[in-house]
Amino acid sequence: MDTRLILDFLRQVQRNNTRPWFQEHKGDYEAARAEFERGVAQALERIAKFDPSVLHLQVKDCTYRFYRDTRFSQDKSPYKTHLGAYISAKGKKSLHGGYYIHLEPDRCLVAVGSYWLPTNILTSCRNEMMGNTQEWLRCVESKDFLKYFSDGFEPCTFDDAWSKKQGFGLEKLKTCPSGFPRDWEYVRYLRLKNYCAWHHVGNDFFEGDKWLKETEKMFRAAKPMMDFTNSVIDDYE
């Protein structure tokens, strides 16, 4: 991808997030979006080689509107300041975990898994961890998973987690969830409120085509974890 073109446009949006400015620079937006979509197509092709469940997806199935929904937000800025793509076999609006790439000035990242899950599914995932502990540990304590996504498991909010270089679980409870044994050896995994593994990268990470190889390594490292949780989530989808 030509990330300099994309990020330069997004920086301009950060400084001029108004409809009149955007209309004057619609061509710049279309050029940046086309370049991003080219990268998403490359990512789709790469992922499908080791995860054929996404073979049916097209780029449009994975990308989002650039216009913000401001109805319930104090921030009335009309446009997003990032471009993101979520590659999930069951669609970007499903609970089924997937692969995510995010371009934003100084906040680019790669992520894998499920961000938001209702309490009943979280409870089922936690029960599955306790019932198949060794399999879960093989997924989340492998050398590659820890290399890209280990973060120390301190209690955190979404904003706390997102500011870290990498991690697993964008929100973590301070204590064990109700109904589960507080003395379980691996209680740190019960405190996760989602199963999103993320890794921040530099502004130049997605430049050219070399990023595809490194991104594939991260996706492959987290895929066993995602498969484990998806095996539970899919029962509810």
C-alpha atoms as a PDB file:
ATOM      1  CA  MET A   1       0.000   0.000   0.000  1.00  0.00           C
ATOM      2  CA  ASP A   2       0.977   3.600  -0.462  1.00  0.00           C
ATOM      3  CA  THR A   3       0.552   4.393   3.226  1.00  0.00           C
ATOM      4  CA  ARG A   4       2.078   7.833   2.890  1.00  0.00           C
ATOM      5  CA  LEU A   5      -0.797   8.835   0.600  1.00  0.00           C
ATOM      6  CA  ILE A   6      -3.359   7.315   2.992  1.00  0.00           C
ATOM      7  CA  LEU A   7      -1.917   8.731   6.205  1.00  0.00           C
ATOM      8  CA  ASP A   8      -1.307  12.172   4.710  1.00  0.00           C
ATOM      9  CA  PHE A   9      -4.988  12.332   3.788  1.00  0.00           C
ATOM     10  CA  LEU A  10      -6.055  11.172   7.258  1.00  0.00           C
ATOM     11  CA  ARG A  11      -3.855  13.812   8.892  1.00  0.00           C
ATOM     12  CA  GLN A  12      -5.618  16.442   6.803  1.00  0.00           C
ATOM     13  CA  VAL A  13      -8.974  15.095   7.972  1.00  0.00           C
ATOM     14  CA  GLN A  14      -7.799  15.375  11.586  1.00  0.00           C
ATOM     15  CA  ARG A  15      -7.106  19.070  11.000  1.00  0.00           C
ATOM     16  CA  ASN A  16     -10.130  19.827   8.793  1.00  0.00           C
ATOM     17  CA  ASN A  17     -12.963  17.535   9.853  1.00  0.00           C
ATOM     18  CA  THR A  18     -15.816  19.442   8.212  1.00  0.00           C
ATOM     19  CA  ARG A  19     -18.190  18.685   5.348  1.00  0.00           C
ATOM     20  CA  PRO A  20     -17.195  21.707   3.193  1.00  0.00           C
ATOM     21  CA  TRP A  21     -13.507  20.764   3.389  1.00  0.00           C
ATOM     22  CA  PHE A  22     -14.247  17.124   2.642  1.00  0.00           C
ATOM     23  CA  GLN A  23     -16.337  17.972  -0.421  1.00  0.00           C
ATOM     24  CA  GLU A  24     -13.435  20.042  -1.771  1.00  0.00           C
ATOM     25  CA  HIS A  25     -11.086  17.096  -1.258  1.00  0.00           C
ATOM     26  CA  LYS A  26     -13.368  14.235  -2.275  1.00  0.00           C
ATOM     27  CA  GLY A  27     -10.842  13.176  -4.903  1.00  0.00           C
ATOM     28  CA  ASP A  28      -8.129  12.804  -2.259  1.00  0.00           C
ATOM     29  CA  TYR A  29     -10.459  10.630  -0.208  1.00  0.00           C
ATOM     30  CA  GLU A  30     -11.284   8.422  -3.171  1.00  0.00           C
ATOM     31  CA  ALA A  31      -7.580   7.981  -3.958  1.00  0.00           C
ATOM     32  CA  ALA A  32      -6.763   7.075  -0.343  1.00  0.00           C
ATOM     33  CA  ARG A  33      -9.693   4.682  -0.090  1.00  0.00           C
ATOM     34  CA  ALA A  34      -8.816   2.980  -3.387  1.00  0.00           C
ATOM     35  CA  GLU A  35      -5.262   2.441  -2.172  1.00  0.00           C
ATOM     36  CA  PHE A  36      -6.493   1.054   1.144  1.00  0.00           C
ATOM     37  CA  GLU A  37      -8.937  -1.279  -0.602  1.00  0.00           C
ATOM     38  CA  ARG A  38      -6.100  -2.573  -2.759  1.00  0.00           C
ATOM     39  CA  GLY A  39      -4.282  -3.519   0.452  1.00  0.00           C
ATOM     40  CA  VAL A  40      -7.412  -5.159   1.867  1.00  0.00           C
ATOM     41  CA  ALA A  41      -7.713  -7.264  -1.292  1.00  0.00           C
ATOM     42  CA  GLN A  42      -4.112  -8.384  -0.825  1.00  0.00           C
ATOM     43  CA  ALA A  43      -4.781  -9.240   2.815  1.00  0.00           C
ATOM     44  CA  LEU A  44      -7.889 -11.226   1.881  1.00  0.00           C
ATOM     45  CA  GLU A  45      -5.958 -13.247  -0.643  1.00  0.00           C
ATOM     46  CA  ARG A  46      -3.184 -13.928   1.858  1.00  0.00           C
ATOM     47  CA  ILE A  47      -5.511 -14.938   4.706  1.00  0.00           C
ATOM     48  CA  ALA A  48      -7.546 -17.256   2.486  1.00  0.00           C
ATOM     49  CA  LYS A  49      -4.447 -19.389   1.945  1.00  0.00           C
ATOM     50  CA  PHE A  50      -4.428 -20.500   5.598  1.00  0.00           C
ATOM     51  CA  ASP A  51      -8.072 -19.776   6.507  1.00  0.00           C
ATOM     52  CA  PRO A  52     -10.364 -20.808   3.625  1.00  0.00           C
ATOM     53  CA  SER A  53     -13.446 -19.736   5.614  1.00  0.00           C
ATOM     54  CA  VAL A  54     -12.948 -16.201   4.224  1.00  0.00           C
ATOM     55  CA  LEU A  55     -12.728 -17.227   0.553  1.00  0.00           C
ATOM     56  CA  HIS A  56     -16.245 -15.965  -0.188  1.00  0.00           C
ATOM     57  CA  LEU A  57     -15.575 -12.444   1.096  1.00  0.00           C
ATOM     58  CA  GLN A  58     -15.074  -9.383  -1.071  1.00  0.00           C
ATOM     59  CA  VAL A  59     -13.395  -6.131  -0.077  1.00  0.00           C
ATOM     60  CA  LYS A  60     -16.768  -4.399   0.352  1.00  0.00           C
ATOM     61  CA  ASP A  61     -17.711  -7.045   2.939  1.00  0.00           C
ATOM     62  CA  CYS A  62     -14.777  -6.014   5.135  1.00  0.00           C
ATOM     63  CA  THR A  63     -14.555  -2.229   4.981  1.00  0.00           C
ATOM     64  CA  TYR A  64     -16.578   0.473   6.747  1.00  0.00           C
ATOM     65  CA  ARG A  65     -18.248   3.758   5.906  1.00  0.00           C
ATOM     66  CA  PHE A  66     -15.970   6.763   6.400  1.00  0.00           C
ATOM     67  CA  TYR A  67     -18.863   8.804   7.727  1.00  0.00           C
ATOM     68  CA  ARG A  68     -19.340   8.773  11.498  1.00  0.00           C
ATOM     69  CA  ASP A  69     -22.648   8.105  13.246  1.00  0.00           C
ATOM     70  CA  THR A  70     -22.795  11.150  15.519  1.00  0.00           C
ATOM     71  CA  ARG A  71     -26.337  10.666  16.868  1.00  0.00           C
ATOM     72  CA  PHE A  72     -25.209   9.525  20.319  1.00  0.00           C
ATOM     73  CA  SER A  73     -21.769  11.145  20.464  1.00  0.00           C
ATOM     74  CA  GLN A  74     -20.661  14.473  21.904  1.00  0.00           C
ATOM     75  CA  ASP A  75     -18.072  14.593  19.134  1.00  0.00           C
ATOM     76  CA  LYS A  76     -19.984  15.765  16.060  1.00  0.00           C
ATOM     77  CA  SER A  77     -17.050  15.492  13.654  1.00  0.00           C
ATOM     78  CA  PRO A  78     -18.609  14.034  10.508  1.00  0.00           C
ATOM     79  CA  TYR A  79     -15.711  11.826   9.381  1.00  0.00           C
ATOM     80  CA  LYS A  80     -13.524   9.130  10.843  1.00  0.00           C
ATOM     81  CA  THR A  81      -9.775   9.711  11.074  1.00  0.00           C
ATOM     82  CA  HIS A  82      -8.830   6.123  10.271  1.00  0.00           C
ATOM     83  CA  LEU A  83      -9.441   3.386   7.730  1.00  0.00           C
ATOM     84  CA  GLY A  84     -10.108  -0.135   8.976  1.00  0.00           C
ATOM     85  CA  ALA A  85     -11.024  -3.528   7.573  1.00  0.00           C
ATOM     86  CA  TYR A  86     -12.443  -6.481   9.501  1.00  0.00           C
ATOM     87  CA  ILE A  87     -12.135  -9.800   7.707  1.00  0.00           C
ATOM     88  CA  SER A  88     -14.584 -12.187   9.365  1.00  0.00           C
ATOM     89  CA  ALA A  89     -16.064 -15.285   7.715  1.00  0.00           C
ATOM     90  CA  LYS A  90     -19.543 -14.379   8.959  1.00  0.00           C
ATOM     91  CA  GLY A  91     -19.335 -10.671   8.183  1.00  0.00           C
ATOM     92  CA  LYS A  92     -18.078  -7.528   9.863  1.00  0.00           C
ATOM     93  CA  LYS A  93     -21.252  -7.164  11.954  1.00  0.00           C
ATOM     94  CA  SER A  94     -21.178 -10.700  13.361  1.00  0.00           C
ATOM     95  CA  LEU A  95     -19.787 -11.809  16.728  1.00  0.00           C
ATOM     96  CA  HIS A  96     -17.615 -14.384  14.958  1.00  0.00           C
ATOM     97  CA  GLY A  97     -13.955 -13.425  15.432  1.00  0.00           C
ATOM     98  CA  GLY A  98     -11.885 -12.180  12.507  1.00  0.00           C
ATOM     99  CA  TYR A  99      -8.785 -10.345  11.324  1.00  0.00           C
ATOM    100  CA  TYR A 100      -8.456  -6.561  11.501  1.00  0.00           C
ATOM    101  CA  ILE A 101      -6.096  -3.998   9.990  1.00  0.00           C
ATOM    102  CA  HIS A 102      -6.236  -0.339  11.028  1.00  0.00           C
ATOM    103  CA  LEU A 103      -4.525   2.669   9.465  1.00  0.00           C
ATOM    104  CA  GLU A 104      -4.485   5.870  11.515  1.00  0.00           C
ATOM    105  CA  PRO A 105      -1.638   8.372  11.922  1.00  0.00           C
ATOM    106  CA  ASP A 106       0.575   7.177  14.811  1.00  0.00           C
ATOM    107  CA  ARG A 107      -2.012   4.519  15.787  1.00  0.00           C
ATOM    108  CA  CYS A 108      -1.746   1.827  13.119  1.00  0.00           C
ATOM    109  CA  LEU A 109      -2.348  -1.730  14.294  1.00  0.00           C
ATOM    110  CA  VAL A 110      -3.113  -5.357  13.512  1.00  0.00           C
ATOM    111  CA  ALA A 111      -5.703  -7.278  15.553  1.00  0.00           C
ATOM    112  CA  VAL A 112      -7.337 -10.704  15.690  1.00  0.00           C
ATOM    113  CA  GLY A 113     -10.377 -12.091  17.518  1.00  0.00           C
ATOM    114  CA  SER A 114     -13.668 -10.838  18.933  1.00  0.00           C
ATOM    115  CA  TYR A 115     -14.036  -7.355  20.393  1.00  0.00           C
ATOM    116  CA  TRP A 116     -17.532  -7.359  21.916  1.00  0.00           C
ATOM    117  CA  LEU A 117     -19.406 -10.366  23.294  1.00  0.00           C
ATOM    118  CA  PRO A 118     -22.590 -10.489  25.411  1.00  0.00           C
ATOM    119  CA  THR A 119     -22.360 -11.903  28.925  1.00  0.00           C
ATOM    120  CA  ASN A 120     -23.904 -15.276  28.100  1.00  0.00           C
ATOM    121  CA  ILE A 121     -21.313 -15.977  25.404  1.00  0.00           C
ATOM    122  CA  LEU A 122     -18.471 -14.779  27.631  1.00  0.00           C
ATOM    123  CA  THR A 123     -19.696 -17.180  30.305  1.00  0.00           C
ATOM    124  CA  SER A 124     -19.727 -20.058  27.811  1.00  0.00           C
ATOM    125  CA  CYS A 125     -16.208 -19.197  26.622  1.00  0.00           C
ATOM    126  CA  ARG A 126     -14.976 -19.141  30.215  1.00  0.00           C
ATOM    127  CA  ASN A 127     -16.567 -22.529  30.887  1.00  0.00           C
ATOM    128  CA  GLU A 128     -14.910 -23.885  27.746  1.00  0.00           C
ATOM    129  CA  MET A 129     -11.516 -22.634  28.949  1.00  0.00           C
ATOM    130  CA  MET A 130     -11.949 -24.412  32.261  1.00  0.00           C
ATOM    131  CA  GLY A 131     -13.193 -27.574  30.583  1.00  0.00           C
ATOM    132  CA  ASN A 132     -10.375 -27.667  28.010  1.00  0.00           C
ATOM    133  CA  THR A 133      -7.606 -25.847  29.836  1.00  0.00           C
ATOM    134  CA  GLN A 134      -4.616 -27.441  28.161  1.00  0.00           C
ATOM    135  CA  GLU A 135      -5.992 -26.757  24.696  1.00  0.00           C
ATOM    136  CA  TRP A 136      -6.641 -23.117  25.657  1.00  0.00           C
ATOM    137  CA  LEU A 137      -3.115 -22.743  26.997  1.00  0.00           C
ATOM    138  CA  ARG A 138      -1.678 -24.160  23.782  1.00  0.00           C
ATOM    139  CA  CYS A 139      -3.522 -21.380  21.970  1.00  0.00           C
ATOM    140  CA  VAL A 140      -2.620 -18.392  24.159  1.00  0.00           C
ATOM    141  CA  GLU A 141       0.734 -19.340  25.643  1.00  0.00           C
ATOM    142  CA  SER A 142       2.499 -20.413  22.483  1.00  0.00           C
ATOM    143  CA  LYS A 143       5.803 -18.735  21.706  1.00  0.00           C
ATOM    144  CA  ASP A 144       4.400 -16.806  18.750  1.00  0.00           C
ATOM    145  CA  PHE A 145       1.227 -15.640  20.512  1.00  0.00           C
ATOM    146  CA  LEU A 146       3.209 -14.304  23.458  1.00  0.00           C
ATOM    147  CA  LYS A 147       5.691 -12.617  21.118  1.00  0.00           C
ATOM    148  CA  TYR A 148       3.026 -10.510  19.455  1.00  0.00           C
ATOM    149  CA  PHE A 149       0.253 -10.186  22.044  1.00  0.00           C
ATOM    150  CA  SER A 150       1.546 -10.665  25.613  1.00  0.00           C
ATOM    151  CA  ASP A 151       0.769  -7.695  27.903  1.00  0.00           C
ATOM    152  CA  GLY A 152       0.926  -8.624  31.595  1.00  0.00           C
ATOM    153  CA  PHE A 153      -2.820  -9.001  32.303  1.00  0.00           C
ATOM    154  CA  GLU A 154      -3.241  -5.967  34.557  1.00  0.00           C
ATOM    155  CA  PRO A 155      -6.881  -4.836  34.985  1.00  0.00           C
ATOM    156  CA  CYS A 156      -7.643  -2.214  32.344  1.00  0.00           C
ATOM    157  CA  THR A 157     -10.288  -0.273  30.461  1.00  0.00           C
ATOM    158  CA  PHE A 158     -10.517  -0.005  26.686  1.00  0.00           C
ATOM    159  CA  ASP A 159      -8.570   3.274  26.605  1.00  0.00           C
ATOM    160  CA  ASP A 160      -5.858   1.880  28.897  1.00  0.00           C
ATOM    161  CA  ALA A 161      -5.373  -1.182  26.731  1.00  0.00           C
ATOM    162  CA  TRP A 162      -5.437   0.616  23.393  1.00  0.00           C
ATOM    163  CA  SER A 163      -2.541   2.823  24.515  1.00  0.00           C
ATOM    164  CA  LYS A 164      -0.261  -0.212  24.982  1.00  0.00           C
ATOM    165  CA  LYS A 165       2.081  -1.542  22.311  1.00  0.00           C
ATOM    166  CA  GLN A 166       0.307  -4.894  22.279  1.00  0.00           C
ATOM    167  CA  GLY A 167      -2.002  -7.047  24.345  1.00  0.00           C
ATOM    168  CA  PHE A 168      -4.779  -9.569  24.725  1.00  0.00           C
ATOM    169  CA  GLY A 169      -8.173  -8.438  26.000  1.00  0.00           C
ATOM    170  CA  LEU A 170      -9.156  -4.807  25.486  1.00  0.00           C
ATOM    171  CA  GLU A 171     -10.954  -4.837  28.841  1.00  0.00           C
ATOM    172  CA  LYS A 172     -10.026  -6.866  31.914  1.00  0.00           C
ATOM    173  CA  LEU A 173     -11.952  -7.175  35.167  1.00  0.00           C
ATOM    174  CA  LYS A 174     -10.216  -6.413  38.472  1.00  0.00           C
ATOM    175  CA  THR A 175     -11.560  -9.610  40.035  1.00  0.00           C
ATOM    176  CA  CYS A 176     -12.790 -13.015  38.971  1.00  0.00           C
ATOM    177  CA  PRO A 177     -16.264 -12.894  37.378  1.00  0.00           C
ATOM    178  CA  SER A 178     -19.161 -14.058  39.524  1.00  0.00           C
ATOM    179  CA  GLY A 179     -19.775 -17.796  39.527  1.00  0.00           C
ATOM    180  CA  PHE A 180     -16.184 -18.812  38.758  1.00  0.00           C
ATOM    181  CA  PRO A 181     -13.499 -20.047  41.178  1.00  0.00           C
ATOM    182  CA  ARG A 182     -11.214 -17.227  42.292  1.00  0.00           C
ATOM    183  CA  ASP A 183      -8.433 -19.696  43.101  1.00  0.00           C
ATOM    184  CA  TRP A 184      -8.242 -21.207  39.624  1.00  0.00           C
ATOM    185  CA  GLU A 185      -4.623 -21.208  38.482  1.00  0.00           C
ATOM    186  CA  TYR A 186      -5.421 -19.405  35.236  1.00  0.00           C
ATOM    187  CA  VAL A 187      -8.009 -16.957  36.556  1.00  0.00           C
ATOM    188  CA  ARG A 188      -6.333 -14.178  34.539  1.00  0.00           C
ATOM    189  CA  TYR A 189      -8.087 -15.521  31.444  1.00  0.00           C
ATOM    190  CA  LEU A 190     -11.479 -15.496  33.150  1.00  0.00           C
ATOM    191  CA  ARG A 191     -11.105 -11.757  33.759  1.00  0.00           C
ATOM    192  CA  LEU A 192     -11.010 -10.998  30.021  1.00  0.00           C
ATOM    193  CA  LYS A 193     -14.152  -9.215  28.786  1.00  0.00           C
ATOM    194  CA  ASN A 194     -13.297  -9.850  25.136  1.00  0.00           C
ATOM    195  CA  TYR A 195     -10.897 -11.933  23.086  1.00  0.00           C
ATOM    196  CA  CYS A 196      -9.201  -9.302  20.961  1.00  0.00           C
ATOM    197  CA  ALA A 197      -5.440  -9.660  20.499  1.00  0.00           C
ATOM    198  CA  TRP A 198      -3.758  -6.548  19.071  1.00  0.00           C
ATOM    199  CA  HIS A 199      -0.334  -5.263  18.086  1.00  0.00           C
ATOM    200  CA  HIS A 200       0.436  -1.619  17.280  1.00  0.00           C
ATOM    201  CA  VAL A 201       2.772  -0.974  14.367  1.00  0.00           C
ATOM    202  CA  GLY A 202       4.609   2.059  12.994  1.00  0.00           C
ATOM    203  CA  ASN A 203       3.267   4.426  10.351  1.00  0.00           C
ATOM    204  CA  ASP A 204       5.486   2.801   7.724  1.00  0.00           C
ATOM    205  CA  PHE A 205       4.532  -0.796   8.560  1.00  0.00           C
ATOM    206  CA  PHE A 206       1.943  -1.175   5.784  1.00  0.00           C
ATOM    207  CA  GLU A 207       4.092   0.534   3.137  1.00  0.00           C
ATOM    208  CA  GLY A 208       4.689  -1.526  -0.008  1.00  0.00           C
ATOM    209  CA  ASP A 209       3.962  -5.263   0.119  1.00  0.00           C
ATOM    210  CA  LYS A 210       6.312  -6.613   2.805  1.00  0.00           C
ATOM    211  CA  TRP A 211       3.699  -6.021   5.514  1.00  0.00           C
ATOM    212  CA  LEU A 212       1.682  -8.960   4.199  1.00  0.00           C
ATOM    213  CA  LYS A 213       4.270 -11.484   5.389  1.00  0.00           C
ATOM    214  CA  GLU A 214       4.601  -9.981   8.870  1.00  0.00           C
ATOM    215  CA  THR A 215       0.858  -9.537   9.242  1.00  0.00           C
ATOM    216  CA  GLU A 216       0.316 -13.160   8.266  1.00  0.00           C
ATOM    217  CA  LYS A 217       2.672 -14.206  11.083  1.00  0.00           C
ATOM    218  CA  MET A 218       0.557 -12.267  13.598  1.00  0.00           C
ATOM    219  CA  PHE A 219      -2.702 -13.618  12.204  1.00  0.00           C
ATOM    220  CA  ARG A 220      -1.415 -17.189  12.262  1.00  0.00           C
ATOM    221  CA  ALA A 221      -0.143 -16.772  15.831  1.00  0.00           C
ATOM    222  CA  ALA A 222      -3.597 -15.724  17.056  1.00  0.00           C
ATOM    223  CA  LYS A 223      -5.740 -17.974  14.860  1.00  0.00           C
ATOM    224  CA  PRO A 224      -5.776 -20.941  17.327  1.00  0.00           C
ATOM    225  CA  MET A 225      -7.119 -18.644  20.055  1.00  0.00           C
ATOM    226  CA  MET A 226      -9.738 -17.276  17.696  1.00  0.00           C
ATOM    227  CA  ASP A 227     -10.729 -20.759  16.526  1.00  0.00           C
ATOM    228  CA  PHE A 228     -11.151 -21.821  20.155  1.00  0.00           C
ATOM    229  CA  THR A 229     -13.477 -18.928  21.004  1.00  0.00           C
ATOM    230  CA  ASN A 230     -15.296 -19.097  17.656  1.00  0.00           C
ATOM    231  CA  SER A 231     -16.156 -22.728  18.377  1.00  0.00           C
ATOM    232  CA  VAL A 232     -18.252 -21.374  21.261  1.00  0.00           C
ATOM    233  CA  ILE A 233     -19.465 -18.152  19.628  1.00  0.00           C
ATOM    234  CA  ASP A 234     -20.755 -19.971  16.545  1.00  0.00           C
ATOM    235  CA  ASP A 235     -23.235 -21.897  18.665  1.00  0.00           C
ATOM    236  CA  TYR A 236     -25.018 -18.567  19.216  1.00  0.00           C
ATOM    237  CA  GLU A 237     -24.747 -17.113  15.712  1.00  0.00           C
END
